[in-house]
């Protein structure tokens, strides 16, 4: 099952963040608890751990995107060997978030 990774809210006042660096590339294995990326907030640069194990199937946002609102999809982690339709996964995520 694919999991959508969102821009985390790392503080009560955080509205958006910027991706500084992805520690993994698309296709790389990811273990839950492993550092996945670093995020720049208005106050600090913080490392963000993966909430799921699997494969980094798709990166949806990069440092070039600039500020990204909290809870906006930024990546997808899928099971090893899982084939995903990126647009469908994001669409399903958005429909669940709006429910």
Protein backbone atom coordinates (compact mmCIF):
# COMPACT_ATOMS: atom_id res chain seq x y z
CA UNK A 1 0.00 0.00 0.00
CA UNK A 2 1.34 3.41 -0.98
CA UNK A 3 1.72 6.10 1.67
CA UNK A 4 1.65 9.81 0.86
CA UNK A 5 4.31 11.81 2.71
CA UNK A 6 3.27 15.39 3.46
CA UNK A 7 5.12 18.53 4.47
CA UNK A 8 5.12 18.07 8.23
CA UNK A 9 4.02 20.69 10.69
CA UNK A 10 7.05 20.85 12.98
CA UNK A 11 5.74 23.53 15.31
CA UNK A 12 2.43 25.08 16.34
CA UNK A 13 3.02 28.22 14.30
CA UNK A 14 4.52 26.54 11.24
CA UNK A 15 2.46 27.25 8.12
CA UNK A 16 4.94 26.09 5.44
CA UNK A 17 8.43 24.71 5.05
CA UNK A 18 11.11 24.30 2.42
CA UNK A 19 12.82 21.06 1.54
CA UNK A 20 16.55 21.57 1.95
CA UNK A 21 17.65 18.08 0.90
CA UNK A 22 16.28 14.60 0.27
CA UNK A 23 18.51 11.98 1.90
CA UNK A 24 17.07 9.32 -0.40
CA UNK A 25 16.50 9.15 -4.15
CA UNK A 26 13.51 7.72 -5.98
CA UNK A 27 13.79 3.94 -5.94
CA UNK A 28 15.81 3.81 -2.70
CA UNK A 29 14.73 1.58 0.16
CA UNK A 30 13.46 3.47 3.22
CA UNK A 31 13.16 2.19 6.78
CA UNK A 32 10.73 3.66 9.30
CA UNK A 33 12.67 6.01 11.59
CA UNK A 34 15.42 6.65 9.03
CA UNK A 35 16.19 10.28 8.12
CA UNK A 36 14.29 10.96 4.90
CA UNK A 37 14.82 14.69 4.35
CA UNK A 38 15.76 17.97 5.95
CA UNK A 39 13.23 20.81 6.15
CA UNK A 40 13.81 24.54 6.64
CA UNK A 41 11.20 26.29 8.76
CA UNK A 42 11.09 29.96 9.65
CA UNK A 43 13.10 29.10 12.78
CA UNK A 44 15.41 26.15 12.05
CA UNK A 45 16.53 23.37 9.73
CA UNK A 46 15.29 20.02 10.99
CA UNK A 47 15.72 16.41 9.91
CA UNK A 48 12.52 14.46 9.27
CA UNK A 49 12.27 10.71 9.77
CA UNK A 50 10.27 8.33 7.58
CA UNK A 51 6.96 7.20 9.10
CA UNK A 52 6.83 4.12 6.86
CA UNK A 53 9.17 1.48 5.48
CA UNK A 54 9.22 0.68 1.78
CA UNK A 55 10.62 2.29 -1.35
CA UNK A 56 10.69 6.01 -2.10
CA UNK A 57 8.49 5.63 -5.18
CA UNK A 58 8.05 9.29 -6.11
CA UNK A 59 9.37 12.66 -4.96
CA UNK A 60 6.67 15.27 -5.58
CA UNK A 61 8.53 18.32 -4.23
CA UNK A 62 12.18 19.36 -4.29
CA UNK A 63 14.23 22.25 -2.90
CA UNK A 64 13.46 24.14 -6.11
CA UNK A 65 9.75 24.27 -5.15
CA UNK A 66 10.43 26.80 -2.38
CA UNK A 67 7.87 27.09 0.41
CA UNK A 68 5.36 24.25 0.57
CA UNK A 69 2.26 24.50 2.79
CA UNK A 70 2.06 22.08 5.72
CA UNK A 71 0.25 18.82 4.95
CA UNK A 72 0.80 19.20 1.17
CA UNK A 73 1.92 15.90 -0.48
CA UNK A 74 5.69 15.87 -1.11
CA UNK A 75 6.48 12.18 -1.74
CA UNK A 76 5.09 8.65 -1.93
CA UNK A 77 6.51 5.58 -0.21
CA UNK A 78 5.30 2.27 -1.67
CA UNK A 79 5.87 -1.39 -0.91
CA UNK A 80 8.86 -2.94 -2.68
CA UNK A 81 7.79 -3.94 -6.19
CA UNK A 82 4.45 -2.11 -5.90
CA UNK A 83 3.35 -0.34 -9.07
CA UNK A 84 1.58 2.95 -8.35
CA UNK A 85 -0.35 5.53 -10.32
CA UNK A 86 0.99 8.74 -8.76
CA UNK A 87 -1.99 10.90 -9.78
CA UNK A 88 -4.46 8.32 -8.43
CA UNK A 89 -2.60 7.95 -5.12
CA UNK A 90 -2.56 11.73 -4.59
CA UNK A 91 -6.22 12.03 -5.66
CA UNK A 92 -7.27 9.34 -3.15
CA UNK A 93 -5.20 11.03 -0.43
CA UNK A 94 -6.87 14.39 -1.10
CA UNK A 95 -10.36 12.85 -1.08
CA UNK A 96 -9.67 11.23 2.31
CA UNK A 97 -8.27 14.48 3.72
CA UNK A 98 -11.40 16.35 2.68
CA UNK A 99 -13.71 13.76 4.26
